[in-house]
Amino acid sequence: MMKRALTAVLVVGAAVSAAADQPSAYEAMRALAGREGDGILRRVTEVVGRQGTPQPLVWRLVVADPAARGGVREYEVSGGRILSERTPVARIAGSASESVLAAADLKLDSDGAFRVVNSEAWKARVGFDSASYTLRKDDQSGGPVWTVELFDEAARSVGVVRVSGIDGRILSTRGMGERTPGPTTWPKTDTVPDNGDGGFLGRTNRTLDKAGRSVRDGSLRAVGTVQYWFTGRQTVGAPEPGIGGKEDDD
């Protein structure tokens, strides 16, 4: 019995450690700002990450750039480094400047979006192996919205969840059963009832939810720093030491 318990602890610990080592969307934005200047964050139109387990290894950031062909510039970021930069020929639908994210309203980082979606997957008894993330401006509300698509181990889509980047509300689900969006944005308890094999890595990942409050607080603190870069004021989380109000001439 003790041997099985120890094995379970080691497996869970490895899963939590792996999740902690994967950079969030905020960290990718911070790396981009470190090279290009803080002003570039005020021109972000889209943030995309594929095959996250639970966070992607590479984030693609699209920014509006009137001087670039197609009106946008794309950066791929991983591990705090800019891997590539390109100017795609195809212009995004509409004006790039009109698609810029309302970063002052963004209060949910990608790891926070994962927690919300993972909790929903548990409730729906939907197990998944990886997740892809897209952060865009919502056409109707104008606010930032995360679209998270879940995949099984055979890379088949098992559900899509849209989450408000403002308050973490679930806006819609597809492929996971119809649910009415509710007012609750974060799980109220440290544990999730046993609902079979739902959620990321099934039962093992339930331990991630026990650290939910610290993950949530870290996400809000990080996004609060992004908010300060965009607006010069921070209403979310605690200020991050050493972050100033630098702006570039973009």
Foldseek 3Di string as FASTA:
>chain_A
DVVVVVVLVVVLVVLVVVVVQFDWQLLQLVLVCVVVNLQQLQFWQKKKAPFPQEGHQKIKTKGADCVAALRIKIWIDGPSDTPDIDGDNHHDPDHSNLWGAPLLQQQFIVVLLQQLVQLVQLVLVHEFAYKMWMWTQDPPPRHIKIWIWGHHPVRHTQKIWIAGSRQQWTPFMPNSDGDDIDDDRHDPDLFDDQRAQTGHPRPSCRNVSNCVVVSSLVRRQSSQLSSCSNPVDGDTHDDDPPRDNDGDPD
